PDB file of all heavy atoms in Angstrom:
ATOM      1  N   ARG A   1     104.831 -26.670  -1.306  1.00  0.00           N
ATOM      2  CA  ARG A   1     103.815 -26.291  -2.462  1.00  0.00           C
ATOM      3  C   ARG A   1     102.473 -26.004  -1.860  1.00  0.00           C
ATOM      4  O   ARG A   1     101.799 -24.969  -2.349  1.00  0.00           O
ATOM      5  CB  ARG A   1     103.739 -27.548  -3.294  1.00  0.00           C
ATOM      6  CG  ARG A   1     104.942 -27.830  -4.287  1.00  0.00           C
ATOM      7  CD  ARG A   1     104.752 -28.922  -5.230  1.00  0.00           C
ATOM      8  NE  ARG A   1     104.112 -30.072  -4.899  1.00  0.00           N
ATOM      9  CZ  ARG A   1     104.772 -31.158  -4.388  1.00  0.00           C
ATOM     10  NH1 ARG A   1     106.096 -31.139  -4.339  1.00  0.00           N
ATOM     11  NH2 ARG A   1     104.107 -32.289  -4.095  1.00  0.00           N
ATOM     12  N   THR A   2     102.102 -26.528  -0.820  1.00  0.00           N
ATOM     13  CA  THR A   2     100.883 -26.153  -0.115  1.00  0.00           C
ATOM     14  C   THR A   2     100.820 -24.816   0.392  1.00  0.00           C
ATOM     15  O   THR A   2      99.967 -24.068   0.132  1.00  0.00           O
ATOM     16  CB  THR A   2     100.568 -27.200   0.955  1.00  0.00           C
ATOM     17  OG1 THR A   2     100.252 -28.496   0.442  1.00  0.00           O
ATOM     18  CG2 THR A   2      99.219 -26.828   1.628  1.00  0.00           C
ATOM     19  N   LEU A   3     101.861 -24.339   1.025  1.00  0.00           N
ATOM     20  CA  LEU A   3     102.007 -23.019   1.569  1.00  0.00           C
ATOM     21  C   LEU A   3     102.023 -22.119   0.391  1.00  0.00           C
ATOM     22  O   LEU A   3     101.392 -21.013   0.498  1.00  0.00           O
ATOM     23  CB  LEU A   3     103.221 -22.947   2.479  1.00  0.00           C
ATOM     24  CG  LEU A   3     103.219 -23.594   3.751  1.00  0.00           C
ATOM     25  CD1 LEU A   3     104.535 -23.548   4.461  1.00  0.00           C
ATOM     26  CD2 LEU A   3     102.068 -23.233   4.589  1.00  0.00           C
ATOM     27  N   ALA A   4     102.760 -22.267  -0.704  1.00  0.00           N
ATOM     28  CA  ALA A   4     102.802 -21.368  -1.875  1.00  0.00           C
ATOM     29  C   ALA A   4     101.348 -21.295  -2.364  1.00  0.00           C
ATOM     30  O   ALA A   4     101.033 -20.093  -2.672  1.00  0.00           O
ATOM     31  CB  ALA A   4     103.678 -21.813  -2.929  1.00  0.00           C
ATOM     32  N   TYR A   5     100.694 -22.329  -2.443  1.00  0.00           N
ATOM     33  CA  TYR A   5      99.324 -22.276  -2.989  1.00  0.00           C
ATOM     34  C   TYR A   5      98.424 -21.489  -2.006  1.00  0.00           C
ATOM     35  O   TYR A   5      97.550 -20.624  -2.497  1.00  0.00           O
ATOM     36  CB  TYR A   5      98.795 -23.727  -3.074  1.00  0.00           C
ATOM     37  CG  TYR A   5      97.289 -23.838  -3.295  1.00  0.00           C
ATOM     38  CD1 TYR A   5      96.839 -23.704  -4.724  1.00  0.00           C
ATOM     39  CD2 TYR A   5      96.320 -24.017  -2.370  1.00  0.00           C
ATOM     40  CE1 TYR A   5      95.563 -23.740  -4.948  1.00  0.00           C
ATOM     41  CE2 TYR A   5      94.854 -24.192  -2.691  1.00  0.00           C
ATOM     42  CZ  TYR A   5      94.579 -23.977  -3.989  1.00  0.00           C
ATOM     43  OH  TYR A   5      93.200 -24.029  -4.261  1.00  0.00           O
ATOM     44  N   LEU A   6      98.458 -21.601  -0.793  1.00  0.00           N
ATOM     45  CA  LEU A   6      97.729 -20.873   0.171  1.00  0.00           C
ATOM     46  C   LEU A   6      97.978 -19.444   0.078  1.00  0.00           C
ATOM     47  O   LEU A   6      97.139 -18.536   0.307  1.00  0.00           O
ATOM     48  CB  LEU A   6      97.912 -21.451   1.602  1.00  0.00           C
ATOM     49  CG  LEU A   6      97.328 -22.813   1.942  1.00  0.00           C
ATOM     50  CD1 LEU A   6      97.756 -23.355   3.347  1.00  0.00           C
ATOM     51  CD2 LEU A   6      95.854 -22.917   1.672  1.00  0.00           C
ATOM     52  N   GLU A   7      99.280 -19.172  -0.109  1.00  0.00           N
ATOM     53  CA  GLU A   7      99.763 -17.762  -0.149  1.00  0.00           C
ATOM     54  C   GLU A   7      99.070 -16.961  -1.183  1.00  0.00           C
ATOM     55  O   GLU A   7      98.895 -15.861  -1.230  1.00  0.00           O
ATOM     56  CB  GLU A   7     101.170 -17.554  -0.116  1.00  0.00           C
ATOM     57  CG  GLU A   7     102.001 -18.024   1.126  1.00  0.00           C
ATOM     58  CD  GLU A   7     103.427 -18.215   0.987  1.00  0.00           C
ATOM     59  OE1 GLU A   7     104.062 -17.891   0.027  1.00  0.00           O
ATOM     60  OE2 GLU A   7     103.902 -18.836   1.998  1.00  0.00           O
ATOM     61  N   GLN A   8      98.789 -17.648  -2.342  1.00  0.00           N
ATOM     62  CA  GLN A   8      98.135 -17.113  -3.474  1.00  0.00           C
ATOM     63  C   GLN A   8      96.582 -16.996  -3.549  1.00  0.00           C
ATOM     64  O   GLN A   8      96.142 -16.351  -4.433  1.00  0.00           O
ATOM     65  CB  GLN A   8      98.679 -17.863  -4.753  1.00  0.00           C
ATOM     66  CG  GLN A   8     100.230 -17.971  -4.950  1.00  0.00           C
ATOM     67  CD  GLN A   8     100.794 -16.473  -4.975  1.00  0.00           C
ATOM     68  OE1 GLN A   8     100.356 -15.608  -5.781  1.00  0.00           O
ATOM     69  NE2 GLN A   8     101.848 -16.144  -4.202  1.00  0.00           N
ATOM     70  N   ARG A   9      95.993 -17.549  -2.505  1.00  0.00           N
ATOM     71  CA  ARG A   9      94.571 -17.622  -2.508  1.00  0.00           C
ATOM     72  C   ARG A   9      94.036 -16.213  -2.272  1.00  0.00           C
ATOM     73  O   ARG A   9      94.627 -15.536  -1.400  1.00  0.00           O
ATOM     74  CB  ARG A   9      94.152 -18.581  -1.490  1.00  0.00           C
ATOM     75  CG  ARG A   9      94.455 -20.056  -1.724  1.00  0.00           C
ATOM     76  CD  ARG A   9      93.894 -20.669  -2.852  1.00  0.00           C
ATOM     77  NE  ARG A   9      92.385 -20.515  -2.953  1.00  0.00           N
ATOM     78  CZ  ARG A   9      91.644 -20.710  -3.927  1.00  0.00           C
ATOM     79  NH1 ARG A   9      92.111 -21.183  -4.999  1.00  0.00           N
ATOM     80  NH2 ARG A   9      90.258 -20.554  -3.812  1.00  0.00           N
ATOM     81  N   PRO A  10      93.008 -15.845  -2.960  1.00  0.00           N
ATOM     82  CA  PRO A  10      92.465 -14.366  -2.744  1.00  0.00           C
ATOM     83  C   PRO A  10      91.469 -14.303  -1.462  1.00  0.00           C
ATOM     84  O   PRO A  10      91.346 -13.244  -1.108  1.00  0.00           O
ATOM     85  CB  PRO A  10      91.694 -14.289  -4.030  1.00  0.00           C
ATOM     86  CG  PRO A  10      91.243 -15.523  -4.418  1.00  0.00           C
ATOM     87  CD  PRO A  10      92.364 -16.511  -4.051  1.00  0.00           C
ATOM     88  N   GLU A  11      90.954 -15.459  -0.969  1.00  0.00           N
ATOM     89  CA  GLU A  11      90.096 -15.388   0.177  1.00  0.00           C
ATOM     90  C   GLU A  11      90.807 -14.777   1.334  1.00  0.00           C
ATOM     91  O   GLU A  11      91.978 -15.009   1.626  1.00  0.00           O
ATOM     92  CB  GLU A  11      89.704 -16.805   0.443  1.00  0.00           C
ATOM     93  CG  GLU A  11      88.758 -17.403  -0.658  1.00  0.00           C
ATOM     94  CD  GLU A  11      89.600 -18.102  -1.711  1.00  0.00           C
ATOM     95  OE1 GLU A  11      90.838 -18.243  -1.638  1.00  0.00           O
ATOM     96  OE2 GLU A  11      88.943 -18.739  -2.571  1.00  0.00           O
ATOM     97  N   GLU A  12      90.024 -14.260   2.195  1.00  0.00           N
ATOM     98  CA  GLU A  12      90.512 -13.662   3.418  1.00  0.00           C
ATOM     99  C   GLU A  12      90.651 -14.707   4.431  1.00  0.00           C
ATOM    100  O   GLU A  12      91.557 -14.691   5.248  1.00  0.00           O
ATOM    101  CB  GLU A  12      89.524 -12.620   3.940  1.00  0.00           C
ATOM    102  CG  GLU A  12      90.008 -11.911   5.104  1.00  0.00           C
ATOM    103  CD  GLU A  12      89.145 -10.724   5.717  1.00  0.00           C
ATOM    104  OE1 GLU A  12      88.543 -10.066   4.903  1.00  0.00           O
ATOM    105  OE2 GLU A  12      89.030 -10.439   6.842  1.00  0.00           O
ATOM    106  N   ARG A  13      89.772 -15.764   4.385  1.00  0.00           N
ATOM    107  CA  ARG A  13      89.794 -16.754   5.355  1.00  0.00           C
ATOM    108  C   ARG A  13      89.721 -18.287   4.753  1.00  0.00           C
ATOM    109  O   ARG A  13      88.764 -18.289   3.766  1.00  0.00           O
ATOM    110  CB  ARG A  13      88.807 -16.721   6.434  1.00  0.00           C
ATOM    111  CG  ARG A  13      88.867 -15.705   7.358  1.00  0.00           C
ATOM    112  CD  ARG A  13      87.880 -15.745   8.423  1.00  0.00           C
ATOM    113  NE  ARG A  13      88.104 -14.695   9.458  1.00  0.00           N
ATOM    114  CZ  ARG A  13      87.628 -13.509   9.511  1.00  0.00           C
ATOM    115  NH1 ARG A  13      86.774 -13.204   8.575  1.00  0.00           N
ATOM    116  NH2 ARG A  13      87.952 -12.635  10.419  1.00  0.00           N
ATOM    117  N   LEU A  14      90.510 -19.132   5.078  1.00  0.00           N
ATOM    118  CA  LEU A  14      90.438 -20.477   4.478  1.00  0.00           C
ATOM    119  C   LEU A  14      90.521 -21.533   5.619  1.00  0.00           C
ATOM    120  O   LEU A  14      91.241 -21.390   6.615  1.00  0.00           O
ATOM    121  CB  LEU A  14      91.493 -20.814   3.538  1.00  0.00           C
ATOM    122  CG  LEU A  14      91.615 -20.011   2.226  1.00  0.00           C
ATOM    123  CD1 LEU A  14      93.012 -20.205   1.555  1.00  0.00           C
ATOM    124  CD2 LEU A  14      90.580 -20.546   1.375  1.00  0.00           C
ATOM    125  N   ALA A  15      89.862 -22.698   5.537  1.00  0.00           N
ATOM    126  CA  ALA A  15      90.003 -23.769   6.424  1.00  0.00           C
ATOM    127  C   ALA A  15      90.800 -24.922   5.778  1.00  0.00           C
ATOM    128  O   ALA A  15      90.509 -25.249   4.645  1.00  0.00           O
ATOM    129  CB  ALA A  15      88.688 -24.332   6.852  1.00  0.00           C
ATOM    130  N   VAL A  16      91.828 -25.342   6.358  1.00  0.00           N
ATOM    131  CA  VAL A  16      92.579 -26.418   5.888  1.00  0.00           C
ATOM    132  C   VAL A  16      92.543 -27.526   6.874  1.00  0.00           C
ATOM    133  O   VAL A  16      92.818 -27.372   8.071  1.00  0.00           O
ATOM    134  CB  VAL A  16      94.134 -25.928   5.833  1.00  0.00           C
ATOM    135  CG1 VAL A  16      94.985 -27.209   5.370  1.00  0.00           C
ATOM    136  CG2 VAL A  16      94.263 -24.768   4.854  1.00  0.00           C
ATOM    137  N   VAL A  17      92.057 -28.626   6.348  1.00  0.00           N
ATOM    138  CA  VAL A  17      91.863 -29.796   7.231  1.00  0.00           C
ATOM    139  C   VAL A  17      92.934 -30.860   6.909  1.00  0.00           C
ATOM    140  O   VAL A  17      93.049 -31.264   5.735  1.00  0.00           O
ATOM    141  CB  VAL A  17      90.477 -30.321   7.054  1.00  0.00           C
ATOM    142  CG1 VAL A  17      90.219 -31.686   7.991  1.00  0.00           C
ATOM    143  CG2 VAL A  17      89.344 -29.303   7.368  1.00  0.00           C
ATOM    144  N   THR A  18      93.627 -31.396   7.838  1.00  0.00           N
ATOM    145  CA  THR A  18      94.713 -32.373   7.641  1.00  0.00           C
ATOM    146  C   THR A  18      94.929 -33.097   8.848  1.00  0.00           C
ATOM    147  O   THR A  18      94.394 -32.913   9.867  1.00  0.00           O
ATOM    148  CB  THR A  18      95.995 -31.512   7.136  1.00  0.00           C
ATOM    149  OG1 THR A  18      96.976 -32.583   6.790  1.00  0.00           O
ATOM    150  CG2 THR A  18      96.576 -30.768   8.222  1.00  0.00           C
ATOM    151  N   HIS A  19      95.921 -34.080   8.735  1.00  0.00           N
ATOM    152  CA  HIS A  19      96.354 -34.967   9.835  1.00  0.00           C
ATOM    153  C   HIS A  19      97.683 -34.349  10.446  1.00  0.00           C
ATOM    154  O   HIS A  19      98.213 -33.484   9.971  1.00  0.00           O
ATOM    155  CB  HIS A  19      96.641 -36.298   9.288  1.00  0.00           C
ATOM    156  CG  HIS A  19      95.465 -36.955   8.794  1.00  0.00           C
ATOM    157  ND1 HIS A  19      94.635 -37.702   9.576  1.00  0.00           N
ATOM    158  CD2 HIS A  19      94.905 -37.255   7.664  1.00  0.00           C
ATOM    159  CE1 HIS A  19      93.607 -38.264   9.037  1.00  0.00           C
ATOM    160  NE2 HIS A  19      93.850 -37.900   7.737  1.00  0.00           N
ATOM    161  N   GLY A  20      97.882 -34.944  11.705  1.00  0.00           N
ATOM    162  CA  GLY A  20      98.965 -34.252  12.507  1.00  0.00           C
ATOM    163  C   GLY A  20     100.289 -34.120  11.997  1.00  0.00           C
ATOM    164  O   GLY A  20     100.758 -32.981  12.092  1.00  0.00           O
ATOM    165  N   THR A  21     100.957 -35.105  11.403  1.00  0.00           N
ATOM    166  CA  THR A  21     102.204 -34.999  10.791  1.00  0.00           C
ATOM    167  C   THR A  21     102.290 -33.903   9.786  1.00  0.00           C
ATOM    168  O   THR A  21     103.235 -33.134   9.756  1.00  0.00           O
ATOM    169  CB  THR A  21     102.792 -36.369  10.197  1.00  0.00           C
ATOM    170  OG1 THR A  21     102.843 -37.304  11.360  1.00  0.00           O
ATOM    171  CG2 THR A  21     104.169 -36.150   9.769  1.00  0.00           C
ATOM    172  N   TYR A  22     101.330 -33.909   8.902  1.00  0.00           N
ATOM    173  CA  TYR A  22     101.380 -32.994   7.865  1.00  0.00           C
ATOM    174  C   TYR A  22     101.235 -31.503   8.386  1.00  0.00           C
ATOM    175  O   TYR A  22     101.868 -30.472   7.915  1.00  0.00           O
ATOM    176  CB  TYR A  22     100.258 -33.213   6.843  1.00  0.00           C
ATOM    177  CG  TYR A  22     100.519 -32.462   5.497  1.00  0.00           C
ATOM    178  CD1 TYR A  22     101.651 -32.663   4.765  1.00  0.00           C
ATOM    179  CD2 TYR A  22      99.675 -31.429   5.114  1.00  0.00           C
ATOM    180  CE1 TYR A  22     101.858 -31.861   3.606  1.00  0.00           C
ATOM    181  CE2 TYR A  22      99.818 -30.838   3.833  1.00  0.00           C
ATOM    182  CZ  TYR A  22     101.001 -30.996   3.069  1.00  0.00           C
ATOM    183  OH  TYR A  22     101.247 -30.343   1.953  1.00  0.00           O
ATOM    184  N   LEU A  23     100.265 -31.298   9.471  1.00  0.00           N
ATOM    185  CA  LEU A  23     100.085 -30.038  10.095  1.00  0.00           C
ATOM    186  C   LEU A  23     101.479 -29.606  10.802  1.00  0.00           C
ATOM    187  O   LEU A  23     101.872 -28.410  10.616  1.00  0.00           O
ATOM    188  CB  LEU A  23      99.073 -30.055  11.117  1.00  0.00           C
ATOM    189  CG  LEU A  23      98.868 -28.747  11.934  1.00  0.00           C
ATOM    190  CD1 LEU A  23      98.523 -27.632  11.077  1.00  0.00           C
ATOM    191  CD2 LEU A  23      97.701 -29.002  12.981  1.00  0.00           C
ATOM    192  N   HIS A  24     102.112 -30.572  11.501  1.00  0.00           N
ATOM    193  CA  HIS A  24     103.389 -30.263  11.992  1.00  0.00           C
ATOM    194  C   HIS A  24     104.337 -29.667  10.953  1.00  0.00           C
ATOM    195  O   HIS A  24     105.128 -28.811  11.246  1.00  0.00           O
ATOM    196  CB  HIS A  24     103.987 -31.477  12.644  1.00  0.00           C
ATOM    197  CG  HIS A  24     103.411 -31.682  14.057  1.00  0.00           C
ATOM    198  ND1 HIS A  24     102.857 -32.983  14.324  1.00  0.00           N
ATOM    199  CD2 HIS A  24     103.522 -31.047  15.113  1.00  0.00           C
ATOM    200  CE1 HIS A  24     102.353 -32.831  15.568  1.00  0.00           C
ATOM    201  NE2 HIS A  24     102.833 -31.652  16.176  1.00  0.00           N
ATOM    202  N   MET A  25     104.376 -30.408   9.782  1.00  0.00           N
ATOM    203  CA  MET A  25     105.286 -29.920   8.741  1.00  0.00           C
ATOM    204  C   MET A  25     104.968 -28.587   8.214  1.00  0.00           C
ATOM    205  O   MET A  25     105.925 -27.647   8.058  1.00  0.00           O
ATOM    206  CB  MET A  25     105.228 -30.991   7.581  1.00  0.00           C
ATOM    207  CG  MET A  25     106.157 -30.577   6.493  1.00  0.00           C
ATOM    208  SD  MET A  25     107.973 -30.320   6.811  1.00  0.00           S
ATOM    209  CE  MET A  25     108.505 -32.040   6.908  1.00  0.00           C
ATOM    210  N   LEU A  26     103.616 -28.300   8.074  1.00  0.00           N
ATOM    211  CA  LEU A  26     103.136 -27.000   7.530  1.00  0.00           C
ATOM    212  C   LEU A  26     103.717 -25.896   8.501  1.00  0.00           C
ATOM    213  O   LEU A  26     104.273 -24.955   8.050  1.00  0.00           O
ATOM    214  CB  LEU A  26     101.745 -26.995   7.396  1.00  0.00           C
ATOM    215  CG  LEU A  26     101.171 -27.680   6.180  1.00  0.00           C
ATOM    216  CD1 LEU A  26      99.621 -27.751   6.304  1.00  0.00           C
ATOM    217  CD2 LEU A  26     101.405 -27.113   4.769  1.00  0.00           C
ATOM    218  N   VAL A  27     103.276 -26.074   9.807  1.00  0.00           N
ATOM    219  CA  VAL A  27     103.777 -25.139  10.726  1.00  0.00           C
ATOM    220  C   VAL A  27     105.214 -24.940  11.056  1.00  0.00           C
ATOM    221  O   VAL A  27     105.868 -23.908  11.036  1.00  0.00           O
ATOM    222  CB  VAL A  27     102.907 -25.474  12.128  1.00  0.00           C
ATOM    223  CG1 VAL A  27     103.471 -24.386  13.141  1.00  0.00           C
ATOM    224  CG2 VAL A  27     101.462 -25.282  11.931  1.00  0.00           C
ATOM    225  N   ALA A  28     105.955 -26.073  10.981  1.00  0.00           N
ATOM    226  CA  ALA A  28     107.426 -26.045  11.103  1.00  0.00           C
ATOM    227  C   ALA A  28     108.076 -25.198   9.914  1.00  0.00           C
ATOM    228  O   ALA A  28     108.891 -24.440  10.080  1.00  0.00           O
ATOM    229  CB  ALA A  28     108.020 -27.381  11.182  1.00  0.00           C
ATOM    230  N   LEU A  29     107.463 -25.352   8.688  1.00  0.00           N
ATOM    231  CA  LEU A  29     107.937 -24.664   7.460  1.00  0.00           C
ATOM    232  C   LEU A  29     107.555 -23.124   7.591  1.00  0.00           C
ATOM    233  O   LEU A  29     108.359 -22.305   7.212  1.00  0.00           O
ATOM    234  CB  LEU A  29     107.500 -25.160   6.221  1.00  0.00           C
ATOM    235  CG  LEU A  29     108.147 -26.579   5.883  1.00  0.00           C
ATOM    236  CD1 LEU A  29     107.345 -27.278   4.669  1.00  0.00           C
ATOM    237  CD2 LEU A  29     109.591 -26.320   5.471  1.00  0.00           C
ATOM    238  N   MET A  30     106.486 -22.838   8.182  1.00  0.00           N
ATOM    239  CA  MET A  30     105.893 -21.491   8.449  1.00  0.00           C
ATOM    240  C   MET A  30     107.020 -20.749   9.324  1.00  0.00           C
ATOM    241  O   MET A  30     107.447 -19.711   9.103  1.00  0.00           O
ATOM    242  CB  MET A  30     104.690 -21.338   9.172  1.00  0.00           C
ATOM    243  CG  MET A  30     103.493 -21.807   8.328  1.00  0.00           C
ATOM    244  SD  MET A  30     101.923 -21.606   9.203  1.00  0.00           S
ATOM    245  CE  MET A  30     100.802 -22.397   8.185  1.00  0.00           C
ATOM    246  N   ILE A  31     107.595 -21.517  10.414  1.00  0.00           N
ATOM    247  CA  ILE A  31     108.555 -20.969  11.249  1.00  0.00           C
ATOM    248  C   ILE A  31     109.960 -20.927  10.717  1.00  0.00           C
ATOM    249  O   ILE A  31     110.688 -20.014  10.842  1.00  0.00           O
ATOM    250  CB  ILE A  31     108.473 -21.765  12.628  1.00  0.00           C
ATOM    251  CG1 ILE A  31     107.108 -21.735  13.141  1.00  0.00           C
ATOM    252  CG2 ILE A  31     109.570 -21.279  13.582  1.00  0.00           C
ATOM    253  CD1 ILE A  31     106.731 -22.652  14.415  1.00  0.00           C
ATOM    254  N   PHE A  32     110.389 -22.080  10.251  1.00  0.00           N
ATOM    255  CA  PHE A  32     111.789 -22.170   9.869  1.00  0.00           C
ATOM    256  C   PHE A  32     112.035 -21.979   8.411  1.00  0.00           C
ATOM    257  O   PHE A  32     113.234 -21.891   7.951  1.00  0.00           O
ATOM    258  CB  PHE A  32     112.259 -23.612  10.189  1.00  0.00           C
ATOM    259  CG  PHE A  32     112.338 -23.881  11.687  1.00  0.00           C
ATOM    260  CD1 PHE A  32     111.381 -24.589  12.237  1.00  0.00           C
ATOM    261  CD2 PHE A  32     113.421 -23.273  12.417  1.00  0.00           C
ATOM    262  CE1 PHE A  32     111.493 -24.878  13.725  1.00  0.00           C
ATOM    263  CE2 PHE A  32     113.446 -23.675  13.835  1.00  0.00           C
ATOM    264  CZ  PHE A  32     112.401 -24.319  14.380  1.00  0.00           C
ATOM    265  N   GLY A  33     111.015 -21.991   7.531  1.00  0.00           N
ATOM    266  CA  GLY A  33     111.195 -21.903   6.064  1.00  0.00           C
ATOM    267  C   GLY A  33     111.898 -22.958   5.421  1.00  0.00           C
ATOM    268  O   GLY A  33     111.962 -24.149   6.108  1.00  0.00           O
ATOM    269  N   ASP A  34     112.398 -22.839   4.309  1.00  0.00           N
ATOM    270  CA  ASP A  34     113.076 -24.013   3.570  1.00  0.00           C
ATOM    271  C   ASP A  34     114.386 -24.389   4.212  1.00  0.00           C
ATOM    272  O   ASP A  34     115.090 -25.322   3.791  1.00  0.00           O
ATOM    273  CB  ASP A  34     113.117 -23.746   2.074  1.00  0.00           C
ATOM    274  CG  ASP A  34     113.980 -22.530   1.762  1.00  0.00           C
ATOM    275  OD1 ASP A  34     114.566 -21.892   2.576  1.00  0.00           O
ATOM    276  OD2 ASP A  34     114.109 -22.194   0.540  1.00  0.00           O
ATOM    277  N   LYS A  35     114.808 -23.809   5.275  1.00  0.00           N
ATOM    278  CA  LYS A  35     115.998 -24.081   6.027  1.00  0.00           C
ATOM    279  C   LYS A  35     115.748 -25.232   6.986  1.00  0.00           C
ATOM    280  O   LYS A  35     116.654 -25.828   7.706  1.00  0.00           O
ATOM    281  CB  LYS A  35     116.620 -22.878   6.790  1.00  0.00           C
ATOM    282  CG  LYS A  35     116.927 -21.747   5.966  1.00  0.00           C
ATOM    283  CD  LYS A  35     118.125 -22.029   4.963  1.00  0.00           C
ATOM    284  CE  LYS A  35     118.532 -20.684   4.163  1.00  0.00           C
ATOM    285  NZ  LYS A  35     118.520 -20.871   2.787  1.00  0.00           N
ATOM    286  N   LEU A  36     114.504 -25.589   7.159  1.00  0.00           N
ATOM    287  CA  LEU A  36     114.230 -26.623   8.097  1.00  0.00           C
ATOM    288  C   LEU A  36     114.923 -27.927   7.890  1.00  0.00           C
ATOM    289  O   LEU A  36     114.986 -28.412   6.683  1.00  0.00           O
ATOM    290  CB  LEU A  36     112.619 -26.969   7.996  1.00  0.00           C
ATOM    291  CG  LEU A  36     112.088 -28.112   8.924  1.00  0.00           C
ATOM    292  CD1 LEU A  36     112.044 -27.650  10.414  1.00  0.00           C
ATOM    293  CD2 LEU A  36     110.574 -28.335   8.488  1.00  0.00           C
TER     294      LEU A  36
END
């Protein structure tokens, strides 16, 4: 849901601040998609 939200944002640059496990999940989903 977070990635879908970020994909719809109109800004050219955004800063997302989070903790390690959630960042790992975001990036893993960027790489593997919903097949993770």
